Amino acid sequence: MDEGKNNRQSEPAPQMELDLRVGRAGWEKVKSQALAAKEEQAKVRQQEALAFLRQTDAPAKRAYLTVVDAAEQLGREPDDLLEKGVTGKLKLYVPVLHEGLYVWPVTERGVPHASLLGRVDGVAPIFQDRLQYGEYEILHPADVKKVKVEQSARPEGYICPDRVKRHLAELKIRWPEGQVARLAERIESLATRIAWVPAFPLTTDGGIARAEMLRVNSDDMPSLRVQFEQSVNASEMTGEKGLGMQVSVGPDDPSKLIKYGERRRKQIEAIQAGAKALGIDPRKISVGQPEGHKNKIRLWCKANHLDRFGAGDDPFDEAWISASRDGLITVVNKGNFKR
């Protein structure tokens, strides 16, 4: 009798069993709804990524200008645009000179290979792609500097932000959302800084990029014009008024330069270009301290045309005297200041 009583007590009550079943069913329903919502979100992300990939399936169609033509439209010197490229404020494009497989030397965690300690031979780059000969990509600022100083450079790689964006969109399809979200911000910050490099060491010459091969994207011209206008306005605002050395940049009269040798002629042309590049009125410049403007032009010439002036001051001073003598540079109220 006691045994039957114990068996009845061990059996779950009908109401309790029903509650457990309802609870399990409710939990399964919640899980199912959450899973369905997650799958729907994944589909939306995939559709967005696929739409982006379809838009970028063909190479971007851009209109390019030579650096010389772009500088002429902006009323600047080609060196002014090259300087923008050196500082990374202007993207300068160059044709790919070596066709083949390239990799983006960044790890799957968004760490540049250059930041890793030790050997990176076994560290797989996150992206790889094939670059076609002749298609335009961005020249790295370090290579732009070589072109500016040495007139040519052997590119070690190319900046390809559009390719990074495309591969990142593909990751959004393959990888979990949380993993991509954490990685995307790091990758996007590196897209315009890290160059794509050949996947394998080149067995032949990778080609030489020369100044005349560089191009400016026509879409960048409006913002570039604003940059130069702002630099001119800033220069005018910081200029000091009152008694000072006044320098006029005379008309560009090539006949006055014929008598000089090629080196001196280039030095005088650099002095004139320096006055214009500093964002001053090409007809008249007023400076509130003796030789202040002359020293600014001197520094500009040494920074941009060291090959024409060398490290010393004498070549600059001699070229300044020649330009002044021929009216290409005129120093007003000269008696108040040293030459």
C-alpha atoms as a PDB file:
ATOM      1  CA  MET A   1       0.000   0.000   0.000  1.00  0.00           C
ATOM      2  CA  ASP A   2       2.805   2.364   0.897  1.00  0.00           C
ATOM      3  CA  GLU A   3       4.565   1.393  -2.315  1.00  0.00           C
ATOM      4  CA  GLY A   4       1.563   2.463  -4.437  1.00  0.00           C
ATOM      5  CA  LYS A   5       1.381   5.747  -2.577  1.00  0.00           C
ATOM      6  CA  ASN A   6       5.032   6.475  -3.279  1.00  0.00           C
ATOM      7  CA  ASN A   7       4.568   5.706  -6.984  1.00  0.00           C
ATOM      8  CA  ARG A   8       1.673   8.138  -7.206  1.00  0.00           C
ATOM      9  CA  GLN A   9       3.743  10.865  -5.511  1.00  0.00           C
ATOM     10  CA  SER A  10       6.692  10.343  -7.905  1.00  0.00           C
ATOM     11  CA  GLU A  11       4.510  10.812 -10.963  1.00  0.00           C
ATOM     12  CA  PRO A  12       4.280  14.466 -12.114  1.00  0.00           C
ATOM     13  CA  ALA A  13       0.955  16.121 -11.679  1.00  0.00           C
ATOM     14  CA  PRO A  14      -0.968  16.585 -14.968  1.00  0.00           C
ATOM     15  CA  GLN A  15      -1.059  20.393 -14.556  1.00  0.00           C
ATOM     16  CA  MET A  16       2.686  20.629 -13.883  1.00  0.00           C
ATOM     17  CA  GLU A  17       3.487  18.519 -16.916  1.00  0.00           C
ATOM     18  CA  LEU A  18       1.283  20.741 -19.050  1.00  0.00           C
ATOM     19  CA  ASP A  19       3.053  23.854 -17.763  1.00  0.00           C
ATOM     20  CA  LEU A  20       6.440  22.358 -18.609  1.00  0.00           C
ATOM     21  CA  ARG A  21       5.301  21.528 -22.131  1.00  0.00           C
ATOM     22  CA  VAL A  22       3.940  25.038 -22.669  1.00  0.00           C
ATOM     23  CA  GLY A  23       7.156  26.523 -21.300  1.00  0.00           C
ATOM     24  CA  ARG A  24       9.311  24.432 -23.602  1.00  0.00           C
ATOM     25  CA  ALA A  25       7.132  25.289 -26.581  1.00  0.00           C
ATOM     26  CA  GLY A  26       7.304  28.995 -25.756  1.00  0.00           C
ATOM     27  CA  TRP A  27      11.075  28.889 -25.442  1.00  0.00           C
ATOM     28  CA  GLU A  28      11.416  27.039 -28.737  1.00  0.00           C
ATOM     29  CA  LYS A  29       9.193  29.645 -30.370  1.00  0.00           C
ATOM     30  CA  VAL A  30      11.326  32.507 -29.022  1.00  0.00           C
ATOM     31  CA  LYS A  31      14.488  30.791 -30.246  1.00  0.00           C
ATOM     32  CA  SER A  32      12.921  30.183 -33.640  1.00  0.00           C
ATOM     33  CA  GLN A  33      11.854  33.818 -33.971  1.00  0.00           C
ATOM     34  CA  ALA A  34      15.302  35.071 -32.945  1.00  0.00           C
ATOM     35  CA  LEU A  35      16.962  32.753 -35.453  1.00  0.00           C
ATOM     36  CA  ALA A  36      14.596  33.873 -38.213  1.00  0.00           C
ATOM     37  CA  ALA A  37      15.299  37.534 -37.416  1.00  0.00           C
ATOM     38  CA  LYS A  38      19.039  36.890 -37.487  1.00  0.00           C
ATOM     39  CA  GLU A  39      18.775  35.112 -40.837  1.00  0.00           C
ATOM     40  CA  GLU A  40      16.711  37.993 -42.218  1.00  0.00           C
ATOM     41  CA  GLN A  41      19.340  40.498 -41.081  1.00  0.00           C
ATOM     42  CA  ALA A  42      22.045  38.384 -42.701  1.00  0.00           C
ATOM     43  CA  LYS A  43      20.078  38.346 -45.970  1.00  0.00           C
ATOM     44  CA  VAL A  44      19.745  42.142 -45.869  1.00  0.00           C
ATOM     45  CA  ARG A  45      23.495  42.524 -45.302  1.00  0.00           C
ATOM     46  CA  GLN A  46      24.231  40.131 -48.142  1.00  0.00           C
ATOM     47  CA  GLN A  47      21.881  41.992 -50.481  1.00  0.00           C
ATOM     48  CA  GLU A  48      23.526  45.311 -49.584  1.00  0.00           C
ATOM     49  CA  ALA A  49      26.985  43.837 -50.094  1.00  0.00           C
ATOM     50  CA  LEU A  50      25.988  42.245 -53.405  1.00  0.00           C
ATOM     51  CA  ALA A  51      24.476  45.535 -54.576  1.00  0.00           C
ATOM     52  CA  PHE A  52      27.758  47.277 -53.760  1.00  0.00           C
ATOM     53  CA  LEU A  53      29.718  44.588 -55.578  1.00  0.00           C
ATOM     54  CA  ARG A  54      27.525  44.948 -58.666  1.00  0.00           C
ATOM     55  CA  GLN A  55      28.119  48.707 -58.638  1.00  0.00           C
ATOM     56  CA  THR A  56      31.882  48.219 -58.383  1.00  0.00           C
ATOM     57  CA  ASP A  57      32.063  45.233 -60.724  1.00  0.00           C
ATOM     58  CA  ALA A  58      33.487  47.419 -63.497  1.00  0.00           C
ATOM     59  CA  PRO A  59      36.522  49.651 -62.894  1.00  0.00           C
ATOM     60  CA  ALA A  60      35.628  53.205 -61.952  1.00  0.00           C
ATOM     61  CA  LYS A  61      35.461  55.456 -64.995  1.00  0.00           C
ATOM     62  CA  ARG A  62      37.402  58.611 -64.262  1.00  0.00           C
ATOM     63  CA  ALA A  63      38.590  61.521 -66.350  1.00  0.00           C
ATOM     64  CA  TYR A  64      42.254  62.192 -65.724  1.00  0.00           C
ATOM     65  CA  LEU A  65      44.343  65.319 -66.251  1.00  0.00           C
ATOM     66  CA  THR A  66      48.094  65.525 -66.484  1.00  0.00           C
ATOM     67  CA  VAL A  67      49.707  67.330 -63.576  1.00  0.00           C
ATOM     68  CA  VAL A  68      50.774  70.114 -65.947  1.00  0.00           C
ATOM     69  CA  ASP A  69      47.232  70.616 -67.300  1.00  0.00           C
ATOM     70  CA  ALA A  70      45.711  70.513 -63.817  1.00  0.00           C
ATOM     71  CA  ALA A  71      48.240  73.051 -62.541  1.00  0.00           C
ATOM     72  CA  GLU A  72      47.514  75.348 -65.485  1.00  0.00           C
ATOM     73  CA  GLN A  73      43.764  75.236 -64.803  1.00  0.00           C
ATOM     74  CA  LEU A  74      44.404  76.083 -61.149  1.00  0.00           C
ATOM     75  CA  GLY A  75      46.910  78.825 -61.896  1.00  0.00           C
ATOM     76  CA  ARG A  76      49.615  76.945 -60.000  1.00  0.00           C
ATOM     77  CA  GLU A  77      52.926  75.267 -60.703  1.00  0.00           C
ATOM     78  CA  PRO A  78      53.153  71.476 -61.221  1.00  0.00           C
ATOM     79  CA  ASP A  79      55.388  71.290 -58.149  1.00  0.00           C
ATOM     80  CA  ASP A  80      52.523  72.664 -56.049  1.00  0.00           C
ATOM     81  CA  LEU A  81      50.411  69.644 -56.973  1.00  0.00           C
ATOM     82  CA  LEU A  82      53.301  67.253 -56.404  1.00  0.00           C
ATOM     83  CA  GLU A  83      53.749  68.728 -52.934  1.00  0.00           C
ATOM     84  CA  LYS A  84      50.078  68.015 -52.219  1.00  0.00           C
ATOM     85  CA  GLY A  85      50.707  64.433 -53.320  1.00  0.00           C
ATOM     86  CA  VAL A  86      53.731  64.135 -51.031  1.00  0.00           C
ATOM     87  CA  THR A  87      51.690  65.228 -48.012  1.00  0.00           C
ATOM     88  CA  GLY A  88      48.779  62.963 -48.959  1.00  0.00           C
ATOM     89  CA  LYS A  89      46.374  65.865 -49.528  1.00  0.00           C
ATOM     90  CA  LEU A  90      46.012  64.967 -53.221  1.00  0.00           C
ATOM     91  CA  LYS A  91      45.689  61.527 -54.791  1.00  0.00           C
ATOM     92  CA  LEU A  92      48.037  61.291 -57.769  1.00  0.00           C
ATOM     93  CA  TYR A  93      47.346  58.385 -60.112  1.00  0.00           C
ATOM     94  CA  VAL A  94      49.837  56.445 -62.193  1.00  0.00           C
ATOM     95  CA  PRO A  95      49.367  53.505 -64.584  1.00  0.00           C
ATOM     96  CA  VAL A  96      50.183  50.070 -63.181  1.00  0.00           C
ATOM     97  CA  LEU A  97      53.592  49.237 -64.608  1.00  0.00           C
ATOM     98  CA  HIS A  98      53.755  45.549 -63.711  1.00  0.00           C
ATOM     99  CA  GLU A  99      50.760  43.296 -64.262  1.00  0.00           C
ATOM    100  CA  GLY A 100      50.213  40.409 -61.900  1.00  0.00           C
ATOM    101  CA  LEU A 101      48.873  39.202 -58.566  1.00  0.00           C
ATOM    102  CA  TYR A 102      49.082  41.752 -55.757  1.00  0.00           C
ATOM    103  CA  VAL A 103      48.349  41.401 -52.053  1.00  0.00           C
ATOM    104  CA  TRP A 104      47.326  43.883 -49.400  1.00  0.00           C
ATOM    105  CA  PRO A 105      49.827  43.319 -46.551  1.00  0.00           C
ATOM    106  CA  VAL A 106      47.371  43.481 -43.666  1.00  0.00           C
ATOM    107  CA  THR A 107      46.393  40.562 -41.417  1.00  0.00           C
ATOM    108  CA  GLU A 108      42.866  39.234 -40.892  1.00  0.00           C
ATOM    109  CA  ARG A 109      42.846  41.216 -37.655  1.00  0.00           C
ATOM    110  CA  GLY A 110      43.536  44.477 -39.452  1.00  0.00           C
ATOM    111  CA  VAL A 111      47.213  44.738 -38.458  1.00  0.00           C
ATOM    112  CA  PRO A 112      49.691  45.902 -41.139  1.00  0.00           C
ATOM    113  CA  HIS A 113      52.503  43.419 -41.744  1.00  0.00           C
ATOM    114  CA  ALA A 114      54.966  46.259 -41.198  1.00  0.00           C
ATOM    115  CA  SER A 115      53.784  46.489 -37.575  1.00  0.00           C
ATOM    116  CA  LEU A 116      54.439  42.806 -36.848  1.00  0.00           C
ATOM    117  CA  LEU A 117      57.594  41.654 -35.118  1.00  0.00           C
ATOM    118  CA  GLY A 118      59.696  38.913 -36.640  1.00  0.00           C
ATOM    119  CA  ARG A 119      59.134  37.140 -39.934  1.00  0.00           C
ATOM    120  CA  VAL A 120      55.845  37.618 -41.771  1.00  0.00           C
ATOM    121  CA  ASP A 121      56.386  34.948 -44.433  1.00  0.00           C
ATOM    122  CA  GLY A 122      53.739  32.714 -42.881  1.00  0.00           C
ATOM    123  CA  VAL A 123      51.246  35.511 -42.233  1.00  0.00           C
ATOM    124  CA  ALA A 124      48.599  35.471 -44.945  1.00  0.00           C
ATOM    125  CA  PRO A 125      47.455  38.883 -46.230  1.00  0.00           C
ATOM    126  CA  ILE A 126      43.747  39.455 -45.891  1.00  0.00           C
ATOM    127  CA  PHE A 127      43.156  40.461 -49.544  1.00  0.00           C
ATOM    128  CA  GLN A 128      44.678  39.649 -52.917  1.00  0.00           C
ATOM    129  CA  ASP A 129      43.773  40.789 -56.414  1.00  0.00           C
ATOM    130  CA  ARG A 130      45.139  41.022 -59.921  1.00  0.00           C
ATOM    131  CA  LEU A 131      46.234  44.442 -61.172  1.00  0.00           C
ATOM    132  CA  GLN A 132      46.110  44.989 -64.918  1.00  0.00           C
ATOM    133  CA  TYR A 133      48.882  46.749 -66.793  1.00  0.00           C
ATOM    134  CA  GLY A 134      48.011  50.358 -67.608  1.00  0.00           C
ATOM    135  CA  GLU A 135      45.031  50.772 -65.269  1.00  0.00           C
ATOM    136  CA  TYR A 136      45.354  53.793 -63.003  1.00  0.00           C
ATOM    137  CA  GLU A 137      45.938  53.414 -59.277  1.00  0.00           C
ATOM    138  CA  ILE A 138      47.174  55.852 -56.632  1.00  0.00           C
ATOM    139  CA  LEU A 139      50.913  56.346 -56.269  1.00  0.00           C
ATOM    140  CA  HIS A 140      52.146  56.132 -52.672  1.00  0.00           C
ATOM    141  CA  PRO A 141      53.187  59.532 -51.218  1.00  0.00           C
ATOM    142  CA  ALA A 142      56.717  58.200 -50.629  1.00  0.00           C
ATOM    143  CA  ASP A 143      57.014  57.457 -54.348  1.00  0.00           C
ATOM    144  CA  VAL A 144      55.497  60.850 -55.237  1.00  0.00           C
ATOM    145  CA  LYS A 145      58.289  62.439 -53.204  1.00  0.00           C
ATOM    146  CA  LYS A 146      60.880  60.510 -55.223  1.00  0.00           C
ATOM    147  CA  VAL A 147      59.265  61.690 -58.455  1.00  0.00           C
ATOM    148  CA  LYS A 148      59.271  65.266 -57.168  1.00  0.00           C
ATOM    149  CA  VAL A 149      62.933  65.210 -56.143  1.00  0.00           C
ATOM    150  CA  GLU A 150      64.452  62.764 -58.630  1.00  0.00           C
ATOM    151  CA  GLN A 151      61.907  63.069 -61.495  1.00  0.00           C
ATOM    152  CA  SER A 152      61.212  59.312 -61.361  1.00  0.00           C
ATOM    153  CA  ALA A 153      60.506  56.407 -58.996  1.00  0.00           C
ATOM    154  CA  ARG A 154      60.184  52.634 -59.062  1.00  0.00           C
ATOM    155  CA  PRO A 155      56.826  52.006 -57.350  1.00  0.00           C
ATOM    156  CA  GLU A 156      56.930  49.249 -54.748  1.00  0.00           C
ATOM    157  CA  GLY A 157      53.146  49.083 -54.879  1.00  0.00           C
ATOM    158  CA  TYR A 158      49.934  51.035 -55.401  1.00  0.00           C
ATOM    159  CA  ILE A 159      47.239  52.466 -53.133  1.00  0.00           C
ATOM    160  CA  CYS A 160      43.903  50.869 -54.115  1.00  0.00           C
ATOM    161  CA  PRO A 161      41.111  51.960 -51.726  1.00  0.00           C
ATOM    162  CA  ASP A 162      38.362  50.870 -54.134  1.00  0.00           C
ATOM    163  CA  ARG A 163      39.687  47.316 -54.109  1.00  0.00           C
ATOM    164  CA  VAL A 164      39.775  47.311 -50.315  1.00  0.00           C
ATOM    165  CA  LYS A 165      36.124  48.415 -50.196  1.00  0.00           C
ATOM    166  CA  ARG A 166      35.137  45.696 -52.634  1.00  0.00           C
ATOM    167  CA  HIS A 167      36.866  42.931 -50.696  1.00  0.00           C
ATOM    168  CA  LEU A 168      35.438  44.262 -47.446  1.00  0.00           C
ATOM    169  CA  ALA A 169      31.950  43.984 -48.960  1.00  0.00           C
ATOM    170  CA  GLU A 170      32.683  40.349 -49.813  1.00  0.00           C
ATOM    171  CA  LEU A 171      33.726  39.713 -46.214  1.00  0.00           C
ATOM    172  CA  LYS A 172      30.351  40.972 -45.043  1.00  0.00           C
ATOM    173  CA  ILE A 173      28.791  38.073 -46.938  1.00  0.00           C
ATOM    174  CA  ARG A 174      31.133  35.368 -45.642  1.00  0.00           C
ATOM    175  CA  TRP A 175      31.945  36.436 -42.095  1.00  0.00           C
ATOM    176  CA  PRO A 176      29.723  36.921 -39.015  1.00  0.00           C
ATOM    177  CA  GLU A 177      28.410  40.437 -38.597  1.00  0.00           C
ATOM    178  CA  GLY A 178      30.175  41.131 -35.297  1.00  0.00           C
ATOM    179  CA  GLN A 179      33.545  40.028 -36.624  1.00  0.00           C
ATOM    180  CA  VAL A 180      33.269  42.184 -39.749  1.00  0.00           C
ATOM    181  CA  ALA A 181      32.008  45.220 -37.841  1.00  0.00           C
ATOM    182  CA  ARG A 182      35.039  45.192 -35.547  1.00  0.00           C
ATOM    183  CA  LEU A 183      37.401  44.732 -38.461  1.00  0.00           C
ATOM    184  CA  ALA A 184      35.821  47.152 -40.940  1.00  0.00           C
ATOM    185  CA  GLU A 185      36.783  50.336 -39.104  1.00  0.00           C
ATOM    186  CA  ARG A 186      40.451  49.328 -38.890  1.00  0.00           C
ATOM    187  CA  ILE A 187      40.559  48.252 -42.530  1.00  0.00           C
ATOM    188  CA  GLU A 188      38.916  51.437 -43.808  1.00  0.00           C
ATOM    189  CA  SER A 189      41.451  53.556 -41.922  1.00  0.00           C
ATOM    190  CA  LEU A 190      44.296  51.713 -43.680  1.00  0.00           C
ATOM    191  CA  ALA A 191      42.794  51.641 -47.189  1.00  0.00           C
ATOM    192  CA  THR A 192      44.412  54.932 -48.258  1.00  0.00           C
ATOM    193  CA  ARG A 193      47.702  54.338 -46.423  1.00  0.00           C
ATOM    194  CA  ILE A 194      48.827  50.777 -47.136  1.00  0.00           C
ATOM    195  CA  ALA A 195      49.922  49.936 -50.679  1.00  0.00           C
ATOM    196  CA  TRP A 196      49.151  46.717 -52.530  1.00  0.00           C
ATOM    197  CA  VAL A 197      52.414  44.959 -53.373  1.00  0.00           C
ATOM    198  CA  PRO A 198      53.324  42.104 -55.751  1.00  0.00           C
ATOM    199  CA  ALA A 199      52.487  38.713 -54.269  1.00  0.00           C
ATOM    200  CA  PHE A 200      55.833  37.340 -55.443  1.00  0.00           C
ATOM    201  CA  PRO A 201      59.240  38.986 -55.862  1.00  0.00           C
ATOM    202  CA  LEU A 202      59.559  40.534 -59.308  1.00  0.00           C
ATOM    203  CA  THR A 203      61.874  38.676 -61.656  1.00  0.00           C
ATOM    204  CA  THR A 204      61.968  41.639 -64.039  1.00  0.00           C
ATOM    205  CA  ASP A 205      62.052  45.402 -63.720  1.00  0.00           C
ATOM    206  CA  GLY A 206      58.753  46.636 -62.286  1.00  0.00           C
ATOM    207  CA  GLY A 207      58.854  49.815 -64.363  1.00  0.00           C
ATOM    208  CA  ILE A 208      59.647  53.458 -63.694  1.00  0.00           C
ATOM    209  CA  ALA A 209      57.042  56.125 -62.922  1.00  0.00           C
ATOM    210  CA  ARG A 210      58.000  59.535 -64.281  1.00  0.00           C
ATOM    211  CA  ALA A 211      56.553  62.950 -63.536  1.00  0.00           C
ATOM    212  CA  GLU A 212      54.798  63.189 -66.904  1.00  0.00           C
ATOM    213  CA  MET A 213      52.957  59.904 -66.200  1.00  0.00           C
ATOM    214  CA  LEU A 214      51.181  61.189 -63.086  1.00  0.00           C
ATOM    215  CA  ARG A 215      47.501  62.080 -63.347  1.00  0.00           C
ATOM    216  CA  VAL A 216      44.935  64.038 -61.334  1.00  0.00           C
ATOM    217  CA  ASN A 217      41.342  62.833 -61.072  1.00  0.00           C
ATOM    218  CA  SER A 218      39.148  65.572 -62.555  1.00  0.00           C
ATOM    219  CA  ASP A 219      36.641  64.973 -59.741  1.00  0.00           C
ATOM    220  CA  ASP A 220      39.271  66.216 -57.269  1.00  0.00           C
ATOM    221  CA  MET A 221      39.752  69.563 -59.022  1.00  0.00           C
ATOM    222  CA  PRO A 222      36.996  71.531 -57.188  1.00  0.00           C
ATOM    223  CA  SER A 223      38.275  70.575 -53.728  1.00  0.00           C
ATOM    224  CA  LEU A 224      41.850  71.184 -54.860  1.00  0.00           C
ATOM    225  CA  ARG A 225      40.935  74.672 -56.035  1.00  0.00           C
ATOM    226  CA  VAL A 226      39.371  75.384 -52.631  1.00  0.00           C
ATOM    227  CA  GLN A 227      42.525  74.174 -50.872  1.00  0.00           C
ATOM    228  CA  PHE A 228      44.722  76.561 -52.835  1.00  0.00           C
ATOM    229  CA  GLU A 229      42.314  79.467 -52.369  1.00  0.00           C
ATOM    230  CA  GLN A 230      42.296  78.875 -48.627  1.00  0.00           C
ATOM    231  CA  SER A 231      46.099  78.812 -48.528  1.00  0.00           C
ATOM    232  CA  VAL A 232      46.222  82.137 -50.392  1.00  0.00           C
ATOM    233  CA  ASN A 233      43.689  83.692 -48.013  1.00  0.00           C
ATOM    234  CA  ALA A 234      45.601  82.405 -44.993  1.00  0.00           C
ATOM    235  CA  SER A 235      48.827  83.858 -46.380  1.00  0.00           C
ATOM    236  CA  GLU A 236      47.193  87.239 -46.926  1.00  0.00           C
ATOM    237  CA  MET A 237      45.714  87.238 -43.413  1.00  0.00           C
ATOM    238  CA  THR A 238      49.059  86.486 -41.777  1.00  0.00           C
ATOM    239  CA  GLY A 239      50.958  89.044 -43.891  1.00  0.00           C
ATOM    240  CA  GLU A 240      52.084  92.158 -42.023  1.00  0.00           C
ATOM    241  CA  LYS A 241      51.101  95.583 -43.263  1.00  0.00           C
ATOM    242  CA  GLY A 242      53.089  98.793 -43.067  1.00  0.00           C
ATOM    243  CA  LEU A 243      56.669  99.679 -43.965  1.00  0.00           C
ATOM    244  CA  GLY A 244      58.572  96.698 -45.206  1.00  0.00           C
ATOM    245  CA  MET A 245      60.297  95.114 -48.138  1.00  0.00           C
ATOM    246  CA  GLN A 246      58.049  95.141 -51.179  1.00  0.00           C
ATOM    247  CA  VAL A 247      58.869  92.660 -53.904  1.00  0.00           C
ATOM    248  CA  SER A 248      57.278  92.634 -57.318  1.00  0.00           C
ATOM    249  CA  VAL A 249      57.414  89.579 -59.516  1.00  0.00           C
ATOM    250  CA  GLY A 250      57.894  91.014 -62.958  1.00  0.00           C
ATOM    251  CA  PRO A 251      56.301  89.765 -66.164  1.00  0.00           C
ATOM    252  CA  ASP A 252      57.568  86.439 -67.409  1.00  0.00           C
ATOM    253  CA  ASP A 253      59.721  87.695 -70.259  1.00  0.00           C
ATOM    254  CA  PRO A 254      61.665  84.733 -71.665  1.00  0.00           C
ATOM    255  CA  SER A 255      63.905  87.065 -73.690  1.00  0.00           C
ATOM    256  CA  LYS A 256      65.512  88.294 -70.468  1.00  0.00           C
ATOM    257  CA  LEU A 257      66.568  84.768 -69.581  1.00  0.00           C
ATOM    258  CA  ILE A 258      68.168  83.816 -72.884  1.00  0.00           C
ATOM    259  CA  LYS A 259      71.589  85.184 -71.932  1.00  0.00           C
ATOM    260  CA  TYR A 260      71.823  82.914 -68.898  1.00  0.00           C
ATOM    261  CA  GLY A 261      72.920  79.311 -68.862  1.00  0.00           C
ATOM    262  CA  GLU A 262      70.329  76.612 -68.301  1.00  0.00           C
ATOM    263  CA  ARG A 263      71.104  76.226 -64.577  1.00  0.00           C
ATOM    264  CA  ARG A 264      70.851  79.947 -63.754  1.00  0.00           C
ATOM    265  CA  ARG A 265      67.724  80.248 -65.900  1.00  0.00           C
ATOM    266  CA  LYS A 266      66.081  77.430 -63.934  1.00  0.00           C
ATOM    267  CA  GLN A 267      67.112  79.074 -60.664  1.00  0.00           C
ATOM    268  CA  ILE A 268      65.435  82.349 -61.636  1.00  0.00           C
ATOM    269  CA  GLU A 269      62.320  80.497 -62.806  1.00  0.00           C
ATOM    270  CA  ALA A 270      62.229  78.692 -59.447  1.00  0.00           C
ATOM    271  CA  ILE A 271      62.386  82.021 -57.586  1.00  0.00           C
ATOM    272  CA  GLN A 272      59.408  83.288 -59.583  1.00  0.00           C
ATOM    273  CA  ALA A 273      57.533  80.016 -59.042  1.00  0.00           C
ATOM    274  CA  GLY A 274      58.291  80.187 -55.319  1.00  0.00           C
ATOM    275  CA  ALA A 275      56.749  83.645 -55.024  1.00  0.00           C
ATOM    276  CA  LYS A 276      53.565  82.389 -56.675  1.00  0.00           C
ATOM    277  CA  ALA A 277      53.487  79.108 -54.741  1.00  0.00           C
ATOM    278  CA  LEU A 278      53.616  80.932 -51.415  1.00  0.00           C
ATOM    279  CA  GLY A 279      50.133  82.256 -52.146  1.00  0.00           C
ATOM    280  CA  ILE A 280      51.031  85.896 -52.724  1.00  0.00           C
ATOM    281  CA  ASP A 281      49.969  88.465 -55.274  1.00  0.00           C
ATOM    282  CA  PRO A 282      52.411  87.876 -58.155  1.00  0.00           C
ATOM    283  CA  ARG A 283      52.691  91.632 -58.732  1.00  0.00           C
ATOM    284  CA  LYS A 284      53.515  92.858 -55.267  1.00  0.00           C
ATOM    285  CA  ILE A 285      54.455  91.413 -51.909  1.00  0.00           C
ATOM    286  CA  SER A 286      54.757  93.337 -48.640  1.00  0.00           C
ATOM    287  CA  VAL A 287      56.632  91.934 -45.667  1.00  0.00           C
ATOM    288  CA  GLY A 288      57.023  93.653 -42.311  1.00  0.00           C
ATOM    289  CA  GLN A 289      60.599  92.630 -41.615  1.00  0.00           C
ATOM    290  CA  PRO A 290      63.843  92.986 -43.588  1.00  0.00           C
ATOM    291  CA  GLU A 291      64.395  90.125 -46.022  1.00  0.00           C
ATOM    292  CA  GLY A 292      61.532  88.139 -44.502  1.00  0.00           C
ATOM    293  CA  HIS A 293      59.993  87.300 -47.851  1.00  0.00           C
ATOM    294  CA  LYS A 294      63.316  86.623 -49.484  1.00  0.00           C
ATOM    295  CA  ASN A 295      64.063  84.021 -46.839  1.00  0.00           C
ATOM    296  CA  LYS A 296      60.645  82.421 -47.370  1.00  0.00           C
ATOM    297  CA  ILE A 297      61.343  82.096 -51.084  1.00  0.00           C
ATOM    298  CA  ARG A 298      64.824  80.791 -50.305  1.00  0.00           C
ATOM    299  CA  LEU A 299      63.393  78.058 -48.065  1.00  0.00           C
ATOM    300  CA  TRP A 300      60.757  77.177 -50.675  1.00  0.00           C
ATOM    301  CA  CYS A 301      63.403  76.885 -53.395  1.00  0.00           C
ATOM    302  CA  LYS A 302      65.611  74.679 -51.217  1.00  0.00           C
ATOM    303  CA  ALA A 303      62.666  72.462 -50.319  1.00  0.00           C
ATOM    304  CA  ASN A 304      61.344  72.113 -53.870  1.00  0.00           C
ATOM    305  CA  HIS A 305      64.397  72.583 -56.111  1.00  0.00           C
ATOM    306  CA  LEU A 306      67.411  71.519 -54.099  1.00  0.00           C
ATOM    307  CA  ASP A 307      68.911  70.145 -57.311  1.00  0.00           C
ATOM    308  CA  ARG A 308      69.021  73.684 -58.734  1.00  0.00           C
ATOM    309  CA  PHE A 309      70.423  75.491 -55.691  1.00  0.00           C
ATOM    310  CA  GLY A 310      72.391  72.994 -53.641  1.00  0.00           C
ATOM    311  CA  ALA A 311      72.773  73.187 -49.891  1.00  0.00           C
ATOM    312  CA  GLY A 312      74.531  76.580 -49.697  1.00  0.00           C
ATOM    313  CA  ASP A 313      73.113  80.093 -49.955  1.00  0.00           C
ATOM    314  CA  ASP A 314      75.393  81.538 -52.652  1.00  0.00           C
ATOM    315  CA  PRO A 315      73.576  80.079 -55.718  1.00  0.00           C
ATOM    316  CA  PHE A 316      70.283  81.488 -54.452  1.00  0.00           C
ATOM    317  CA  ASP A 317      71.735  84.929 -53.696  1.00  0.00           C
ATOM    318  CA  GLU A 318      73.411  85.105 -57.101  1.00  0.00           C
ATOM    319  CA  ALA A 319      70.200  84.080 -58.860  1.00  0.00           C
ATOM    320  CA  TRP A 320      68.258  86.640 -56.784  1.00  0.00           C
ATOM    321  CA  ILE A 321      70.683  89.393 -57.857  1.00  0.00           C
ATOM    322  CA  SER A 322      70.365  88.360 -61.514  1.00  0.00           C
ATOM    323  CA  ALA A 323      66.560  88.329 -61.332  1.00  0.00           C
ATOM    324  CA  SER A 324      66.565  91.728 -59.608  1.00  0.00           C
ATOM    325  CA  ARG A 325      68.970  93.217 -62.144  1.00  0.00           C
ATOM    326  CA  ASP A 326      66.737  92.192 -65.047  1.00  0.00           C
ATOM    327  CA  GLY A 327      63.535  93.415 -63.401  1.00  0.00           C
ATOM    328  CA  LEU A 328      62.150  89.920 -62.862  1.00  0.00           C
ATOM    329  CA  ILE A 329      62.239  90.566 -59.106  1.00  0.00           C
ATOM    330  CA  THR A 330      61.977  94.183 -57.969  1.00  0.00           C
ATOM    331  CA  VAL A 331      62.780  95.232 -54.414  1.00  0.00           C
ATOM    332  CA  VAL A 332      61.034  98.491 -53.551  1.00  0.00           C
ATOM    333  CA  ASN A 333      62.542 100.853 -50.912  1.00  0.00           C
ATOM    334  CA  LYS A 334      65.741  98.825 -51.258  1.00  0.00           C
ATOM    335  CA  GLY A 335      67.756 101.427 -49.367  1.00  0.00           C
ATOM    336  CA  ASN A 336      65.992 100.574 -46.113  1.00  0.00           C
ATOM    337  CA  PHE A 337      67.141  96.964 -46.153  1.00  0.00           C
ATOM    338  CA  LYS A 338      70.055  94.771 -47.034  1.00  0.00           C
ATOM    339  CA  ARG A 339      70.065  93.202 -50.440  1.00  0.00           C
END
